[in-house]
């Protein structure tokens, strides 16, 4: 659809949802610890624009 094809980053939407749900369930179960940072892997899709 676009010329040249654009380089993009694919975000793991399903894993983002799973991680968010896990954190929410932990919080609802009484985990009052400090805020946590979750780092997920991503994928760079190189196309002709790079």
C-alpha atoms as a PDB file:
ATOM      1  CA  UNK A   1       0.000   0.000   0.000  1.00  0.00           C
ATOM      2  CA  UNK A   2       2.912   2.334   0.711  1.00  0.00           C
ATOM      3  CA  UNK A   3       5.947   2.782  -1.466  1.00  0.00           C
ATOM      4  CA  UNK A   4       8.600   2.243  -0.266  1.00  0.00           C
ATOM      5  CA  UNK A   5       7.490  -0.385   2.242  1.00  0.00           C
ATOM      6  CA  UNK A   6       8.029   1.014   5.759  1.00  0.00           C
ATOM      7  CA  UNK A   7      10.179  -0.569   8.429  1.00  0.00           C
ATOM      8  CA  UNK A   8       8.017  -1.347  11.458  1.00  0.00           C
ATOM      9  CA  UNK A   9       8.191  -2.691  14.992  1.00  0.00           C
ATOM     10  CA  UNK A  10       5.898  -5.599  15.829  1.00  0.00           C
ATOM     11  CA  UNK A  11       4.645  -5.370  19.411  1.00  0.00           C
ATOM     12  CA  UNK A  12       3.556  -8.582  21.165  1.00  0.00           C
ATOM     13  CA  UNK A  13      -0.045  -7.479  21.842  1.00  0.00           C
ATOM     14  CA  UNK A  14      -1.146 -10.831  23.271  1.00  0.00           C
ATOM     15  CA  UNK A  15       1.781 -10.973  25.694  1.00  0.00           C
ATOM     16  CA  UNK A  16       1.182  -7.347  26.711  1.00  0.00           C
ATOM     17  CA  UNK A  17      -2.397  -8.303  27.609  1.00  0.00           C
ATOM     18  CA  UNK A  18      -1.284 -11.395  29.509  1.00  0.00           C
ATOM     19  CA  UNK A  19       1.287  -9.445  31.492  1.00  0.00           C
ATOM     20  CA  UNK A  20      -1.200  -6.699  32.323  1.00  0.00           C
ATOM     21  CA  UNK A  21      -3.759  -9.274  33.470  1.00  0.00           C
ATOM     22  CA  UNK A  22      -1.139 -11.023  35.609  1.00  0.00           C
ATOM     23  CA  UNK A  23      -0.171  -7.750  37.278  1.00  0.00           C
ATOM     24  CA  UNK A  24      -3.823  -6.864  37.890  1.00  0.00           C
ATOM     25  CA  UNK A  25      -4.623 -10.269  39.374  1.00  0.00           C
ATOM     26  CA  UNK A  26      -1.585 -10.014  41.663  1.00  0.00           C
ATOM     27  CA  UNK A  27      -2.747  -6.579  42.806  1.00  0.00           C
ATOM     28  CA  UNK A  28      -6.314  -7.818  43.405  1.00  0.00           C
ATOM     29  CA  UNK A  29      -4.905 -10.743  45.422  1.00  0.00           C
ATOM     30  CA  UNK A  30      -3.335  -8.263  47.831  1.00  0.00           C
ATOM     31  CA  UNK A  31       0.156  -7.730  46.395  1.00  0.00           C
ATOM     32  CA  UNK A  32       0.872  -4.187  47.576  1.00  0.00           C
ATOM     33  CA  UNK A  33       4.558  -4.240  46.672  1.00  0.00           C
ATOM     34  CA  UNK A  34       6.288  -1.540  44.670  1.00  0.00           C
ATOM     35  CA  UNK A  35       5.417  -0.890  41.041  1.00  0.00           C
ATOM     36  CA  UNK A  36       7.004  -3.361  38.634  1.00  0.00           C
ATOM     37  CA  UNK A  37       8.332  -2.858  35.156  1.00  0.00           C
ATOM     38  CA  UNK A  38       7.704  -5.592  32.607  1.00  0.00           C
ATOM     39  CA  UNK A  39      10.003  -5.719  29.587  1.00  0.00           C
ATOM     40  CA  UNK A  40       8.824  -7.727  26.604  1.00  0.00           C
ATOM     41  CA  UNK A  41      10.679  -8.538  23.431  1.00  0.00           C
ATOM     42  CA  UNK A  42       9.744  -6.929  20.159  1.00  0.00           C
ATOM     43  CA  UNK A  43      10.611  -7.578  16.547  1.00  0.00           C
ATOM     44  CA  UNK A  44      11.870  -5.071  13.988  1.00  0.00           C
ATOM     45  CA  UNK A  45      10.660  -5.806  10.471  1.00  0.00           C
ATOM     46  CA  UNK A  46      13.108  -4.189   8.048  1.00  0.00           C
ATOM     47  CA  UNK A  47      11.679  -3.248   4.731  1.00  0.00           C
ATOM     48  CA  UNK A  48      12.873  -1.161   1.801  1.00  0.00           C
ATOM     49  CA  UNK A  49      12.551   2.153   3.666  1.00  0.00           C
ATOM     50  CA  UNK A  50      15.438   1.232   5.984  1.00  0.00           C
END
